[in-house]
Amino acid sequence: MISGALKSAGILFLTLVSALGVTVAGFLTGSDRVPSAIVRWWGKGFIRIGGWKVRVEGVEHLPAGGAILASNHQSLVDIPLFVAGLPREVRFLAKRELGRIPLFGTAMAAAGNLFIDREDPQDAVHLVRKATDRMERGQMVVVFPEGTRSRDGTIGEFKPGAFYLARKTGVPLLPVLIEGGHKALPRGSLLFRPSALSVKVLPPVTAGGGRPLGREAMAEETRRRILSARREREDQCSGVVLV
């Protein structure tokens, strides 16, 4: 058995090497194609070193083209979980501050991820332009509407601003339930722990009669569906029969 400390050291080394590789590949190619492939390799290596078993459900709901995946956020493990667990490449919407971290921020940008300055309304305009380009290329973008990681796995309120992108681009919005990350790497800890990880993609959020949803309605409906999916899983685990 590999100890938590050794796992953490191995994952840190893998992340440093991968970030350097992504940065160099982005500089040499001027494209996010090779950097994205390196990120996928990193995600799978991250999960393998951690020794976690991953369960993925609902991939049949993923559209052929661009989409926005709105997920609850439990841990830093959520990122490689998405990268390694889904059959298609994903990009992430992150806070602008993360893009300023030496090496890691550069690597994130080189891999095609998006950044937003929540204090600058004008930044949202540039974000929509970049996101539209991603969607037209058939890419999927992951957003974490809670805005921060959960300490105990509970699902917090979803900020409507996170759904601005879905409202403006008009691409399918799919809720995603992730589980196990807060046990694998609790917030504030650097030691990785055993945990079962899961990703469940839910059907797209739509309004009755094809009416467009506002940001607040999108946030409420997305959170409601994720909470409902969690309750169903808990009932199944406890042996309760749903009626």
Foldseek 3Di string as FASTA:
>chain_A
DDFLVRLLVVLVVLVLVLLVVLLVVCVVPVALPVLLVSLLVSLVVNCVSLVAAEAEADLVQDDQFEEEEEEAAAAPNVVSCVSPVHPDGAAEEEEVVQLPPPSRNSSNVSNLHHYAHPVDPVRVVVRLVSVLVCRVVRHYYYYYQVNDHDQPQDGDAGDLVSCPNCLVNVHFYKYKYKDWRCQQAGPPGSGGDYTHIYIYIHHTDADPPRDDDHSVVVRVVSVVVNVVVVVVVVCVVVVHDDD
